[in-house]
Protein backbone atom coordinates (compact mmCIF):
# COMPACT_ATOMS: atom_id res chain seq x y z
CA UNK A 1 -0.95 0.80 -13.59
CA UNK A 2 1.05 0.44 -16.71
CA UNK A 3 4.42 2.14 -16.88
CA UNK A 4 5.06 2.40 -13.13
CA UNK A 5 7.86 0.50 -11.44
CA UNK A 6 9.01 -0.39 -7.95
CA UNK A 7 12.77 -0.25 -7.44
CA UNK A 8 13.71 -3.16 -5.22
CA UNK A 9 16.52 -3.15 -2.63
CA UNK A 10 18.92 -4.79 -5.07
CA UNK A 11 18.23 -2.06 -7.64
CA UNK A 12 16.11 -4.15 -9.99
CA UNK A 13 12.85 -2.80 -11.37
CA UNK A 14 9.55 -4.60 -11.06
CA UNK A 15 6.30 -3.49 -12.64
CA UNK A 16 4.00 -1.90 -10.04
CA UNK A 17 1.13 -4.23 -9.20
CA UNK A 18 -1.32 -3.11 -6.52
CA UNK A 19 -2.48 -6.71 -6.00
CA UNK A 20 1.00 -7.47 -4.63
CA UNK A 21 0.49 -4.67 -2.11
CA UNK A 22 -2.89 -6.11 -1.09
CA UNK A 23 -1.43 -9.60 -0.69
CA UNK A 24 1.46 -8.29 1.41
CA UNK A 25 -0.88 -6.28 3.64
CA UNK A 26 -3.12 -9.31 4.14
CA UNK A 27 -0.14 -11.54 4.91
CA UNK A 28 1.17 -9.11 7.54
CA UNK A 29 -2.29 -8.66 9.00
CA UNK A 30 -2.74 -12.41 9.30
CA UNK A 31 0.53 -12.68 11.24
CA UNK A 32 -0.70 -9.93 13.57
CA UNK A 33 -4.11 -11.64 13.87
CA UNK A 34 -5.87 -8.72 12.21
CA UNK A 35 -8.43 -9.06 9.45
CA UNK A 36 -9.20 -6.39 6.88
CA UNK A 37 -12.57 -6.05 5.23
CA UNK A 38 -12.89 -5.74 1.47
CA UNK A 39 -13.65 -2.06 2.04
CA UNK A 40 -10.40 -1.67 4.03
CA UNK A 41 -8.39 -3.31 1.25
CA UNK A 42 -10.06 -1.15 -1.40
CA UNK A 43 -9.18 1.97 0.58
CA UNK A 44 -5.56 0.88 1.04
CA UNK A 45 -5.06 -0.10 -2.60
CA UNK A 46 -6.78 3.07 -3.84
CA UNK A 47 -4.64 5.23 -1.56
CA UNK A 48 -1.44 3.52 -2.69
CA UNK A 49 -2.34 3.84 -6.38
CA UNK A 50 -3.20 7.54 -5.96
CA UNK A 51 0.09 8.26 -4.19
CA UNK A 52 2.11 6.40 -6.81
CA UNK A 53 0.34 8.29 -9.61
CA UNK A 54 0.96 11.64 -7.89
CA UNK A 55 4.73 11.17 -7.94
CA UNK A 56 6.87 13.12 -10.36
CA UNK A 57 8.56 9.91 -11.56
CA UNK A 58 7.15 6.53 -12.47
CA UNK A 59 9.72 4.69 -10.36
CA UNK A 60 9.11 4.18 -6.64
CA UNK A 61 11.90 2.93 -4.37
CA UNK A 62 10.68 0.05 -2.21
CA UNK A 63 11.37 2.00 1.00
CA UNK A 64 9.07 4.76 -0.21
CA UNK A 65 6.44 2.17 -1.17
CA UNK A 66 6.57 0.84 2.39
CA UNK A 67 6.04 4.39 3.70
CA UNK A 68 3.05 4.89 1.40
CA UNK A 69 1.46 1.64 2.60
CA UNK A 70 2.16 2.52 6.25
CA UNK A 71 0.48 5.90 5.77
CA UNK A 72 -2.58 4.21 4.27
CA UNK A 73 -2.74 1.83 7.24
CA UNK A 74 -2.38 4.70 9.73
CA UNK A 75 -5.16 6.66 8.04
CA UNK A 76 -7.37 3.57 7.97
CA UNK A 77 -6.67 2.87 11.65
CA UNK A 78 -7.42 6.49 12.54
CA UNK A 79 -10.75 6.29 10.72
CA UNK A 80 -11.59 3.04 12.54
CA UNK A 81 -10.80 4.63 15.89
CA UNK A 82 -13.06 7.60 15.09
CA UNK A 83 -15.95 5.24 14.32
CA UNK A 84 -15.63 3.81 17.85
CA UNK A 85 -16.19 7.23 19.46
């Protein structure tokens, strides 16, 4: 997504790259011994991109980016739990 930036903790800007989000989610999942399917990762990355696009500014503080990713994971987990019922 060209023109969007993540504002890091030190105040520097980095171009938004959803593949970095996917890599970070996979890395955390691996540590927690969880594995995401390609469908899961597509949902998460699509959700994050949509939320970033819906913002009024093209700069996203890293703390807010973490919240967006957490929300995507919670929604995904909720959907997985519903499938078990």
